[in-house]
N, C-alpha and C. Protein backbone atom coordinates (compact mmCIF):
# COMPACT_ATOMS: atom_id res chain seq x y z
N GLN A 1 40.62 14.17 186.39
CA GLN A 1 40.05 13.88 187.70
C GLN A 1 39.46 15.16 188.28
N VAL A 2 38.28 15.03 188.85
CA VAL A 2 37.62 16.20 189.42
C VAL A 2 38.39 16.68 190.64
N GLN A 3 38.58 18.00 190.69
CA GLN A 3 39.22 18.60 191.86
C GLN A 3 38.24 19.50 192.58
N LEU A 4 38.21 19.37 193.88
CA LEU A 4 37.39 20.20 194.74
C LEU A 4 38.32 21.00 195.64
N VAL A 5 38.15 22.31 195.65
CA VAL A 5 39.03 23.17 196.42
C VAL A 5 38.19 24.06 197.31
N GLU A 6 38.37 23.89 198.62
CA GLU A 6 37.62 24.67 199.60
C GLU A 6 38.48 25.83 200.10
N SER A 7 37.83 26.94 200.43
CA SER A 7 38.54 28.09 200.97
C SER A 7 37.60 28.92 201.83
N GLY A 8 38.18 29.86 202.57
CA GLY A 8 37.38 30.80 203.33
C GLY A 8 37.35 30.55 204.83
N GLY A 9 37.99 29.49 205.29
CA GLY A 9 37.99 29.22 206.72
C GLY A 9 38.89 30.18 207.48
N GLY A 10 38.84 30.07 208.79
CA GLY A 10 39.68 30.93 209.62
C GLY A 10 39.23 30.89 211.05
N LEU A 11 39.79 31.80 211.83
CA LEU A 11 39.44 31.92 213.25
C LEU A 11 38.38 33.00 213.40
N VAL A 12 37.33 32.69 214.10
CA VAL A 12 36.24 33.64 214.30
C VAL A 12 35.72 33.49 215.72
N GLN A 13 35.26 34.58 216.28
CA GLN A 13 34.71 34.55 217.63
C GLN A 13 33.30 33.97 217.63
N PRO A 14 32.88 33.42 218.74
CA PRO A 14 31.48 32.95 218.82
C PRO A 14 30.51 34.07 218.47
N GLY A 15 29.50 33.72 217.70
CA GLY A 15 28.54 34.71 217.23
C GLY A 15 28.92 35.34 215.91
N GLY A 16 30.12 35.07 215.44
CA GLY A 16 30.59 35.67 214.19
C GLY A 16 30.12 34.92 212.97
N SER A 17 30.60 35.37 211.81
CA SER A 17 30.19 34.81 210.52
C SER A 17 31.40 34.53 209.65
N LEU A 18 31.23 33.58 208.75
CA LEU A 18 32.23 33.27 207.73
C LEU A 18 31.50 32.79 206.49
N ARG A 19 32.12 32.98 205.33
CA ARG A 19 31.59 32.40 204.10
C ARG A 19 32.65 31.50 203.49
N LEU A 20 32.29 30.26 203.31
CA LEU A 20 33.17 29.29 202.67
C LEU A 20 32.83 29.17 201.19
N SER A 21 33.87 28.88 200.41
CA SER A 21 33.69 28.67 198.98
C SER A 21 34.26 27.32 198.58
N CYS A 22 33.64 26.71 197.59
CA CYS A 22 34.12 25.45 197.05
C CYS A 22 34.10 25.56 195.53
N SER A 23 35.26 25.45 194.94
CA SER A 23 35.32 25.46 193.48
C SER A 23 35.60 24.07 192.97
N ALA A 24 35.01 23.74 191.85
CA ALA A 24 35.14 22.39 191.31
C ALA A 24 35.54 22.44 189.84
N SER A 25 36.39 21.54 189.45
CA SER A 25 36.75 21.41 188.05
C SER A 25 35.74 20.49 187.37
N GLY A 26 35.67 20.57 186.06
CA GLY A 26 34.77 19.70 185.34
C GLY A 26 33.31 20.06 185.56
N SER A 27 32.44 19.12 185.31
CA SER A 27 31.00 19.39 185.36
C SER A 27 30.32 18.82 186.60
N ILE A 28 31.12 18.35 187.56
CA ILE A 28 30.52 17.67 188.71
C ILE A 28 29.59 18.59 189.48
N LEU A 29 29.94 19.86 189.57
CA LEU A 29 29.12 20.77 190.36
C LEU A 29 27.81 21.06 189.65
N ASN A 30 27.85 21.23 188.35
CA ASN A 30 26.66 21.64 187.61
C ASN A 30 25.66 20.50 187.41
N THR A 31 26.08 19.27 187.61
CA THR A 31 25.21 18.13 187.29
C THR A 31 24.81 17.30 188.49
N ASN A 32 25.21 17.75 189.70
CA ASN A 32 24.92 16.96 190.89
C ASN A 32 24.48 17.83 192.05
N THR A 33 23.76 17.20 192.97
CA THR A 33 23.55 17.82 194.26
C THR A 33 24.90 17.98 194.92
N MET A 34 25.13 19.13 195.51
CA MET A 34 26.40 19.41 196.19
C MET A 34 26.16 19.55 197.68
N GLY A 35 27.15 19.14 198.44
CA GLY A 35 27.01 19.21 199.88
C GLY A 35 28.24 19.77 200.56
N TRP A 36 28.03 20.34 201.72
CA TRP A 36 29.12 20.74 202.62
C TRP A 36 29.13 19.76 203.78
N TYR A 37 30.31 19.26 204.08
CA TYR A 37 30.53 18.34 205.18
C TYR A 37 31.48 19.01 206.18
N ARG A 38 31.53 18.45 207.36
CA ARG A 38 32.53 18.90 208.31
C ARG A 38 33.00 17.72 209.16
N GLN A 39 34.23 17.85 209.61
CA GLN A 39 34.80 16.82 210.48
C GLN A 39 35.51 17.50 211.64
N ALA A 40 34.96 17.32 212.82
CA ALA A 40 35.56 17.86 214.02
C ALA A 40 36.59 16.87 214.56
N PRO A 41 37.54 17.35 215.35
CA PRO A 41 38.57 16.45 215.91
C PRO A 41 37.93 15.28 216.65
N GLY A 42 38.36 14.07 216.31
CA GLY A 42 37.87 12.88 216.98
C GLY A 42 36.49 12.43 216.57
N LYS A 43 35.90 13.09 215.58
CA LYS A 43 34.55 12.73 215.16
C LYS A 43 34.53 12.34 213.69
N GLU A 44 33.46 11.68 213.29
CA GLU A 44 33.31 11.30 211.89
C GLU A 44 32.86 12.51 211.06
N ARG A 45 33.16 12.45 209.78
CA ARG A 45 32.70 13.49 208.88
C ARG A 45 31.18 13.43 208.76
N GLU A 46 30.55 14.60 208.79
CA GLU A 46 29.09 14.65 208.72
C GLU A 46 28.66 15.65 207.65
N LEU A 47 27.54 15.35 207.02
CA LEU A 47 26.95 16.26 206.04
C LEU A 47 26.14 17.31 206.77
N VAL A 48 26.42 18.59 206.50
CA VAL A 48 25.70 19.64 207.21
C VAL A 48 24.74 20.42 206.31
N ALA A 49 24.98 20.44 205.02
CA ALA A 49 24.08 21.18 204.12
C ALA A 49 24.21 20.62 202.72
N ALA A 50 23.11 20.67 201.97
CA ALA A 50 23.12 20.18 200.60
C ALA A 50 22.22 21.05 199.75
N ILE A 51 22.55 21.14 198.45
CA ILE A 51 21.74 21.91 197.53
C ILE A 51 21.64 21.14 196.22
N THR A 52 20.41 20.98 195.72
CA THR A 52 20.21 20.27 194.46
C THR A 52 20.54 21.16 193.28
N THR A 53 20.55 20.57 192.10
CA THR A 53 20.80 21.37 190.90
C THR A 53 19.69 22.39 190.69
N GLY A 54 18.51 22.10 191.24
CA GLY A 54 17.40 23.04 191.12
C GLY A 54 17.34 24.07 192.23
N GLY A 55 18.27 23.99 193.17
CA GLY A 55 18.34 24.99 194.22
C GLY A 55 17.63 24.63 195.52
N ARG A 56 17.09 23.42 195.60
CA ARG A 56 16.44 23.02 196.85
C ARG A 56 17.51 22.69 197.88
N THR A 57 17.33 23.16 199.11
CA THR A 57 18.35 23.01 200.14
C THR A 57 17.86 22.14 201.29
N ASN A 58 18.83 21.57 202.00
CA ASN A 58 18.53 20.76 203.17
C ASN A 58 19.68 20.94 204.16
N TYR A 59 19.34 20.96 205.45
CA TYR A 59 20.35 21.24 206.46
C TYR A 59 20.27 20.25 207.61
N ALA A 60 21.42 20.00 208.21
CA ALA A 60 21.43 19.25 209.47
C ALA A 60 20.78 20.10 210.54
N ARG A 61 20.16 19.44 211.49
CA ARG A 61 19.46 20.17 212.55
C ARG A 61 20.39 21.11 213.30
N SER A 62 21.64 20.72 213.44
CA SER A 62 22.58 21.50 214.23
C SER A 62 22.94 22.84 213.60
N VAL A 63 22.70 22.99 212.29
CA VAL A 63 23.09 24.23 211.62
C VAL A 63 21.90 24.95 210.99
N LYS A 64 20.75 24.34 211.05
CA LYS A 64 19.56 24.93 210.41
C LYS A 64 19.29 26.30 211.00
N ASP A 65 18.95 27.23 210.15
CA ASP A 65 18.66 28.63 210.49
C ASP A 65 19.92 29.44 210.81
N ARG A 66 21.09 28.82 210.75
CA ARG A 66 22.35 29.56 210.94
C ARG A 66 23.23 29.51 209.70
N PHE A 67 23.16 28.44 208.96
CA PHE A 67 23.98 28.27 207.76
C PHE A 67 23.09 28.35 206.52
N THR A 68 23.66 28.87 205.43
CA THR A 68 22.95 28.93 204.16
C THR A 68 23.88 28.44 203.04
N ILE A 69 23.43 27.43 202.32
CA ILE A 69 24.19 26.92 201.19
C ILE A 69 23.63 27.52 199.91
N SER A 70 24.52 27.85 198.98
CA SER A 70 24.09 28.39 197.70
C SER A 70 25.08 27.93 196.63
N ARG A 71 24.69 28.12 195.39
CA ARG A 71 25.57 27.69 194.31
C ARG A 71 25.52 28.70 193.18
N ASP A 72 26.63 28.84 192.48
CA ASP A 72 26.73 29.68 191.30
C ASP A 72 27.29 28.78 190.20
N ASN A 73 26.40 28.22 189.40
CA ASN A 73 26.84 27.26 188.38
C ASN A 73 27.76 27.91 187.35
N ALA A 74 27.53 29.17 187.06
CA ALA A 74 28.38 29.86 186.07
C ALA A 74 29.82 29.96 186.55
N LYS A 75 29.99 30.02 187.86
CA LYS A 75 31.34 30.12 188.42
C LYS A 75 31.84 28.77 188.94
N ASN A 76 31.04 27.72 188.75
CA ASN A 76 31.43 26.39 189.25
C ASN A 76 31.78 26.43 190.73
N THR A 77 30.97 27.13 191.50
CA THR A 77 31.29 27.35 192.91
C THR A 77 30.05 27.13 193.78
N VAL A 78 30.29 26.54 194.94
CA VAL A 78 29.26 26.38 195.97
C VAL A 78 29.73 27.15 197.20
N TYR A 79 28.80 27.78 197.87
CA TYR A 79 29.12 28.59 199.04
C TYR A 79 28.42 28.05 200.28
N LEU A 80 29.01 28.36 201.43
CA LEU A 80 28.34 28.09 202.70
C LEU A 80 28.49 29.34 203.55
N GLN A 81 27.41 30.07 203.71
CA GLN A 81 27.39 31.24 204.58
C GLN A 81 27.05 30.76 205.99
N MET A 82 27.96 31.01 206.90
CA MET A 82 27.78 30.57 208.28
C MET A 82 27.66 31.79 209.18
N SER A 83 26.63 31.81 210.00
CA SER A 83 26.45 32.91 210.93
C SER A 83 26.10 32.36 212.31
N THR A 84 26.15 33.25 213.27
CA THR A 84 25.92 32.87 214.67
C THR A 84 26.74 31.62 215.02
N LEU A 85 28.01 31.69 214.69
CA LEU A 85 28.88 30.52 214.86
C LEU A 85 29.08 30.19 216.34
N LYS A 86 29.20 28.90 216.61
CA LYS A 86 29.38 28.40 217.96
C LYS A 86 30.69 27.61 218.03
N PRO A 87 31.26 27.47 219.21
CA PRO A 87 32.50 26.68 219.33
C PRO A 87 32.34 25.27 218.77
N GLU A 88 31.16 24.70 218.87
CA GLU A 88 30.95 23.34 218.37
C GLU A 88 30.92 23.27 216.84
N ASP A 89 30.96 24.42 216.18
CA ASP A 89 31.07 24.43 214.72
C ASP A 89 32.53 24.28 214.27
N THR A 90 33.45 24.30 215.21
CA THR A 90 34.85 24.14 214.88
C THR A 90 35.09 22.79 214.22
N ALA A 91 35.67 22.83 213.02
CA ALA A 91 35.88 21.61 212.25
C ALA A 91 36.60 21.96 210.95
N VAL A 92 37.06 20.93 210.25
CA VAL A 92 37.49 21.11 208.87
C VAL A 92 36.27 20.89 207.99
N TYR A 93 36.02 21.84 207.10
CA TYR A 93 34.85 21.80 206.24
C TYR A 93 35.28 21.39 204.83
N TYR A 94 34.50 20.48 204.26
CA TYR A 94 34.75 19.95 202.93
C TYR A 94 33.48 20.07 202.08
N CYS A 95 33.66 20.09 200.77
CA CYS A 95 32.51 20.00 199.89
C CYS A 95 32.66 18.75 199.03
N ASN A 96 31.55 18.28 198.50
CA ASN A 96 31.57 17.15 197.59
C ASN A 96 30.22 17.05 196.92
N ALA A 97 30.19 16.31 195.83
CA ALA A 97 28.94 16.01 195.16
C ALA A 97 28.32 14.78 195.82
N LEU A 98 26.99 14.71 195.77
CA LEU A 98 26.28 13.59 196.38
C LEU A 98 25.67 12.70 195.31
N SER A 99 25.79 11.41 195.52
CA SER A 99 25.16 10.46 194.62
C SER A 99 23.64 10.58 194.70
N ALA A 100 22.99 10.54 193.55
CA ALA A 100 21.54 10.59 193.51
C ALA A 100 20.91 9.29 194.02
N VAL A 101 21.74 8.24 194.09
CA VAL A 101 21.23 6.93 194.49
C VAL A 101 21.18 6.82 196.01
N ASP A 102 22.30 7.13 196.65
CA ASP A 102 22.37 6.90 198.10
C ASP A 102 23.01 8.03 198.87
N ASN A 103 23.18 9.21 198.23
CA ASN A 103 23.77 10.38 198.88
C ASN A 103 25.23 10.18 199.28
N SER A 104 25.86 9.14 198.79
CA SER A 104 27.28 8.96 199.11
C SER A 104 28.10 9.98 198.33
N PRO A 105 29.25 10.40 198.86
CA PRO A 105 30.08 11.38 198.15
C PRO A 105 30.67 10.81 196.87
N LEU A 106 30.72 11.64 195.84
CA LEU A 106 31.12 11.17 194.52
C LEU A 106 32.58 11.47 194.18
N GLY A 107 33.06 12.62 194.62
CA GLY A 107 34.38 13.06 194.20
C GLY A 107 35.46 12.70 195.20
N VAL A 108 36.69 12.98 194.77
CA VAL A 108 37.83 12.83 195.68
C VAL A 108 37.83 14.01 196.65
N TRP A 109 38.02 13.74 197.91
CA TRP A 109 38.00 14.81 198.90
C TRP A 109 39.14 15.80 198.68
N GLY A 110 38.82 17.09 198.82
CA GLY A 110 39.86 18.11 198.79
C GLY A 110 40.55 18.21 200.14
N GLN A 111 41.32 19.27 200.30
CA GLN A 111 42.07 19.42 201.55
C GLN A 111 41.21 20.01 202.66
N GLY A 112 40.05 20.54 202.30
CA GLY A 112 39.18 21.14 203.30
C GLY A 112 39.68 22.51 203.73
N THR A 113 38.84 23.18 204.51
CA THR A 113 39.22 24.48 205.06
C THR A 113 38.83 24.49 206.54
N LEU A 114 39.77 24.91 207.37
CA LEU A 114 39.58 24.83 208.82
C LEU A 114 38.83 26.05 209.33
N VAL A 115 37.78 25.78 210.09
CA VAL A 115 37.03 26.82 210.77
C VAL A 115 37.21 26.62 212.28
N THR A 116 37.70 27.66 212.93
CA THR A 116 37.89 27.61 214.37
C THR A 116 37.06 28.71 215.00
N VAL A 117 36.16 28.31 215.89
CA VAL A 117 35.31 29.28 216.58
C VAL A 117 35.75 29.33 218.04
N SER A 118 36.35 30.44 218.40
CA SER A 118 36.91 30.54 219.73
C SER A 118 37.08 32.00 220.10
N SER A 119 36.94 32.29 221.39
CA SER A 119 37.19 33.64 221.87
C SER A 119 38.63 33.78 222.37
């Protein structure tokens, strides 16, 4: 079974930066578009960034120009560089592969990594 493990979250002040990492077992990362999702308290999980196997990226409007998604296929890892963080970025962040058919998540959700933006 594919395992997705997120790391790198923590407490950061507004305006600060964090880099999240997602490691995946098996070939799911190398053969699929990968995405970073987040779920804030009381809200539904939302897709915030995605990267294709060819490196093309797409971002939610709320994070565009502040977040950067990248992938290292040799390390089976996807990254999310977050900068100019805002309190509304506070959430548990997850990664997953996206279906090529309908962009639905393919893998079993990991435990996520908590990002808290607060002064």
